[in-house]
Amino acid sequence: GGTASISNMGMFGIKQFDAVINPPQGMIMAIGAGEKRPYVIDDALQIATIMSATGSFDHRAIDGADGAELMKTFKELVEAPMGMIA
């Protein structure tokens, strides 16, 4: 058994997908490919590497608000990885 899984299709160039939870897992995160796109950073148009991450949660085990908080924290850490060292 387990608690959570990560499914990475990004290595195959797939930009976004939805992963299916495998019981008894409580959640699975789907990671898509990163690609360079125009993005506004500090009110200036720049090029940034953008990727998708989708979370699927079994609401019998994980409240949706807690799942959303996990995805928010993941986004913050990926966008500013130095925060993981501090």
N, C-alpha and C. Protein backbone atom coordinates (compact mmCIF):
# COMPACT_ATOMS: atom_id res chain seq x y z
N GLY A 1 0.80 -1.18 0.00
CA GLY A 1 0.00 0.00 0.00
C GLY A 1 0.85 1.25 0.00
N GLY A 2 0.20 2.36 0.03
CA GLY A 2 0.87 3.64 0.05
C GLY A 2 -0.11 4.75 0.34
N THR A 3 0.38 5.96 0.32
CA THR A 3 -0.43 7.12 0.62
C THR A 3 -0.63 8.00 -0.60
N ALA A 4 0.46 8.22 -1.35
CA ALA A 4 0.42 9.14 -2.49
C ALA A 4 1.34 8.65 -3.59
N SER A 5 1.04 9.05 -4.81
CA SER A 5 1.87 8.70 -5.97
C SER A 5 2.09 9.93 -6.82
N ILE A 6 3.16 9.90 -7.61
CA ILE A 6 3.43 10.92 -8.62
C ILE A 6 3.52 10.22 -9.96
N SER A 7 2.80 10.74 -10.94
CA SER A 7 2.84 10.21 -12.30
C SER A 7 3.44 11.28 -13.20
N ASN A 8 4.58 10.99 -13.83
CA ASN A 8 5.29 11.96 -14.66
C ASN A 8 5.21 11.53 -16.12
N MET A 9 4.37 12.23 -16.88
CA MET A 9 4.30 12.00 -18.32
C MET A 9 5.05 13.09 -19.07
N GLY A 10 5.56 14.07 -18.32
CA GLY A 10 6.31 15.16 -18.91
C GLY A 10 7.54 14.69 -19.66
N MET A 11 8.15 13.61 -19.18
CA MET A 11 9.35 13.10 -19.85
C MET A 11 9.04 12.58 -21.25
N PHE A 12 7.75 12.39 -21.55
CA PHE A 12 7.33 11.96 -22.89
C PHE A 12 6.79 13.13 -23.71
N GLY A 13 6.94 14.36 -23.19
CA GLY A 13 6.49 15.55 -23.90
C GLY A 13 5.02 15.86 -23.74
N ILE A 14 4.32 15.15 -22.86
CA ILE A 14 2.89 15.39 -22.64
C ILE A 14 2.75 16.59 -21.72
N LYS A 15 2.03 17.62 -22.18
CA LYS A 15 1.96 18.88 -21.43
C LYS A 15 1.07 18.79 -20.20
N GLN A 16 -0.09 18.13 -20.33
CA GLN A 16 -1.02 18.06 -19.21
C GLN A 16 -1.86 16.80 -19.33
N PHE A 17 -2.18 16.20 -18.19
CA PHE A 17 -3.04 15.02 -18.16
C PHE A 17 -3.62 14.89 -16.76
N ASP A 18 -4.61 14.04 -16.61
CA ASP A 18 -5.20 13.74 -15.31
C ASP A 18 -4.87 12.30 -14.97
N ALA A 19 -4.32 12.09 -13.78
CA ALA A 19 -3.96 10.74 -13.34
C ALA A 19 -5.10 10.15 -12.51
N VAL A 20 -5.25 8.85 -12.57
CA VAL A 20 -6.30 8.14 -11.84
C VAL A 20 -5.70 7.56 -10.56
N ILE A 21 -6.40 7.77 -9.45
CA ILE A 21 -5.95 7.27 -8.15
C ILE A 21 -6.02 5.75 -8.14
N ASN A 22 -4.95 5.13 -7.66
CA ASN A 22 -4.92 3.68 -7.50
C ASN A 22 -5.13 3.34 -6.03
N PRO A 23 -6.29 2.76 -5.66
CA PRO A 23 -6.51 2.39 -4.25
C PRO A 23 -5.41 1.44 -3.78
N PRO A 24 -4.95 1.55 -2.57
CA PRO A 24 -5.47 2.37 -1.46
C PRO A 24 -4.85 3.76 -1.36
N GLN A 25 -4.26 4.26 -2.42
CA GLN A 25 -3.67 5.60 -2.40
C GLN A 25 -4.75 6.65 -2.10
N GLY A 26 -4.35 7.73 -1.44
CA GLY A 26 -5.27 8.82 -1.14
C GLY A 26 -5.20 9.94 -2.16
N MET A 27 -4.08 9.99 -2.92
CA MET A 27 -3.93 11.03 -3.94
C MET A 27 -2.88 10.63 -4.94
N ILE A 28 -2.94 11.31 -6.10
CA ILE A 28 -1.91 11.16 -7.12
C ILE A 28 -1.70 12.53 -7.76
N MET A 29 -0.45 12.85 -8.02
CA MET A 29 -0.11 14.11 -8.68
C MET A 29 0.39 13.80 -10.08
N ALA A 30 -0.18 14.48 -11.07
CA ALA A 30 0.21 14.31 -12.47
C ALA A 30 1.12 15.47 -12.87
N ILE A 31 2.33 15.16 -13.33
CA ILE A 31 3.32 16.17 -13.71
C ILE A 31 3.47 16.18 -15.23
N GLY A 32 3.26 17.35 -15.84
CA GLY A 32 3.38 17.51 -17.28
C GLY A 32 4.73 18.10 -17.67
N ALA A 33 4.98 18.16 -18.96
CA ALA A 33 6.25 18.66 -19.49
C ALA A 33 6.36 20.17 -19.28
N GLY A 34 7.58 20.60 -19.03
CA GLY A 34 7.86 22.03 -18.98
C GLY A 34 8.10 22.55 -20.39
N GLU A 35 7.62 23.75 -20.67
CA GLU A 35 7.88 24.36 -21.97
C GLU A 35 8.03 25.87 -21.79
N LYS A 36 8.85 26.46 -22.63
CA LYS A 36 9.08 27.90 -22.56
C LYS A 36 7.89 28.63 -23.17
N ARG A 37 7.36 29.60 -22.40
CA ARG A 37 6.21 30.39 -22.84
C ARG A 37 6.38 31.84 -22.39
N PRO A 38 5.71 32.77 -23.07
CA PRO A 38 5.71 34.14 -22.57
C PRO A 38 4.96 34.19 -21.24
N TYR A 39 5.48 34.96 -20.29
CA TYR A 39 4.90 35.01 -18.95
C TYR A 39 5.21 36.37 -18.34
N VAL A 40 4.27 36.94 -17.60
CA VAL A 40 4.50 38.24 -16.96
C VAL A 40 5.14 38.00 -15.60
N ILE A 41 6.36 38.56 -15.43
CA ILE A 41 7.10 38.48 -14.17
C ILE A 41 7.46 39.91 -13.78
N ASP A 42 7.03 40.33 -12.59
CA ASP A 42 7.28 41.70 -12.11
C ASP A 42 6.83 42.74 -13.14
N ASP A 43 5.62 42.57 -13.66
CA ASP A 43 5.01 43.49 -14.63
C ASP A 43 5.77 43.60 -15.95
N ALA A 44 6.63 42.64 -16.24
CA ALA A 44 7.36 42.64 -17.52
C ALA A 44 7.15 41.31 -18.21
N LEU A 45 6.95 41.37 -19.52
CA LEU A 45 6.80 40.15 -20.30
C LEU A 45 8.17 39.49 -20.46
N GLN A 46 8.27 38.24 -20.02
CA GLN A 46 9.51 37.48 -20.10
C GLN A 46 9.20 36.08 -20.60
N ILE A 47 10.24 35.30 -20.83
CA ILE A 47 10.08 33.89 -21.18
C ILE A 47 10.34 33.07 -19.92
N ALA A 48 9.42 32.17 -19.61
CA ALA A 48 9.56 31.31 -18.44
C ALA A 48 9.25 29.88 -18.83
N THR A 49 9.83 28.94 -18.10
CA THR A 49 9.49 27.53 -18.30
C THR A 49 8.27 27.23 -17.44
N ILE A 50 7.19 26.83 -18.09
CA ILE A 50 5.91 26.57 -17.42
C ILE A 50 5.60 25.08 -17.53
N MET A 51 5.09 24.51 -16.45
CA MET A 51 4.67 23.10 -16.45
C MET A 51 3.32 22.99 -15.77
N SER A 52 2.66 21.87 -15.96
CA SER A 52 1.39 21.64 -15.26
C SER A 52 1.59 20.58 -14.19
N ALA A 53 0.82 20.73 -13.13
CA ALA A 53 0.77 19.72 -12.07
C ALA A 53 -0.69 19.65 -11.63
N THR A 54 -1.27 18.47 -11.72
CA THR A 54 -2.67 18.26 -11.38
C THR A 54 -2.76 17.26 -10.25
N GLY A 55 -3.54 17.57 -9.23
CA GLY A 55 -3.72 16.64 -8.11
C GLY A 55 -5.11 16.03 -8.15
N SER A 56 -5.17 14.72 -7.96
CA SER A 56 -6.45 14.01 -7.82
C SER A 56 -6.48 13.44 -6.41
N PHE A 57 -7.56 13.70 -5.68
CA PHE A 57 -7.64 13.32 -4.28
C PHE A 57 -8.87 12.46 -4.02
N ASP A 58 -8.71 11.42 -3.22
CA ASP A 58 -9.83 10.61 -2.76
C ASP A 58 -10.43 11.35 -1.58
N HIS A 59 -11.60 11.94 -1.77
CA HIS A 59 -12.19 12.79 -0.74
C HIS A 59 -12.68 12.00 0.47
N ARG A 60 -12.65 10.70 0.40
CA ARG A 60 -12.94 9.91 1.61
C ARG A 60 -11.75 9.96 2.55
N ALA A 61 -10.55 10.23 2.01
CA ALA A 61 -9.33 10.23 2.82
C ALA A 61 -8.75 11.63 3.01
N ILE A 62 -8.90 12.51 2.00
CA ILE A 62 -8.28 13.83 2.03
C ILE A 62 -9.34 14.88 1.67
N ASP A 63 -9.55 15.83 2.57
CA ASP A 63 -10.48 16.92 2.31
C ASP A 63 -9.98 17.74 1.12
N GLY A 64 -10.89 18.18 0.28
CA GLY A 64 -10.51 18.95 -0.90
C GLY A 64 -9.72 20.21 -0.59
N ALA A 65 -10.07 20.89 0.52
CA ALA A 65 -9.34 22.10 0.91
C ALA A 65 -7.90 21.77 1.27
N ASP A 66 -7.68 20.64 1.92
CA ASP A 66 -6.31 20.21 2.25
C ASP A 66 -5.53 19.87 0.98
N GLY A 67 -6.21 19.23 0.03
CA GLY A 67 -5.57 18.93 -1.25
C GLY A 67 -5.19 20.19 -2.00
N ALA A 68 -6.07 21.19 -1.97
CA ALA A 68 -5.77 22.47 -2.62
C ALA A 68 -4.59 23.16 -1.96
N GLU A 69 -4.50 23.07 -0.64
CA GLU A 69 -3.37 23.66 0.09
C GLU A 69 -2.07 22.95 -0.28
N LEU A 70 -2.11 21.63 -0.45
CA LEU A 70 -0.92 20.89 -0.88
C LEU A 70 -0.47 21.36 -2.25
N MET A 71 -1.41 21.51 -3.18
CA MET A 71 -1.05 21.95 -4.54
C MET A 71 -0.51 23.38 -4.52
N LYS A 72 -1.08 24.24 -3.68
CA LYS A 72 -0.59 25.62 -3.56
C LYS A 72 0.85 25.63 -3.04
N THR A 73 1.12 24.83 -2.01
CA THR A 73 2.48 24.76 -1.45
C THR A 73 3.45 24.19 -2.47
N PHE A 74 3.04 23.16 -3.20
CA PHE A 74 3.90 22.58 -4.25
C PHE A 74 4.25 23.66 -5.28
N LYS A 75 3.26 24.42 -5.73
CA LYS A 75 3.48 25.50 -6.70
C LYS A 75 4.48 26.51 -6.17
N GLU A 76 4.31 26.93 -4.92
CA GLU A 76 5.22 27.91 -4.33
C GLU A 76 6.65 27.39 -4.26
N LEU A 77 6.82 26.12 -3.90
CA LEU A 77 8.16 25.55 -3.79
C LEU A 77 8.82 25.36 -5.16
N VAL A 78 8.03 24.98 -6.17
CA VAL A 78 8.60 24.82 -7.51
C VAL A 78 8.99 26.19 -8.08
N GLU A 79 8.18 27.21 -7.81
CA GLU A 79 8.48 28.55 -8.32
C GLU A 79 9.66 29.21 -7.61
N ALA A 80 9.90 28.83 -6.35
CA ALA A 80 11.00 29.42 -5.57
C ALA A 80 11.70 28.30 -4.79
N PRO A 81 12.47 27.45 -5.48
CA PRO A 81 13.05 26.27 -4.84
C PRO A 81 14.02 26.57 -3.69
N MET A 82 14.59 27.76 -3.64
CA MET A 82 15.49 28.09 -2.53
C MET A 82 14.75 28.07 -1.20
N GLY A 83 13.43 28.19 -1.24
CA GLY A 83 12.62 28.11 -0.02
C GLY A 83 12.68 26.75 0.64
N MET A 84 13.08 25.73 -0.11
CA MET A 84 13.20 24.38 0.47
C MET A 84 14.45 24.25 1.33
N ILE A 85 15.43 25.13 1.14
CA ILE A 85 16.67 25.04 1.90
C ILE A 85 16.55 25.83 3.21
N ALA A 86 15.79 26.92 3.17
CA ALA A 86 15.70 27.81 4.33
C ALA A 86 14.91 27.20 5.47
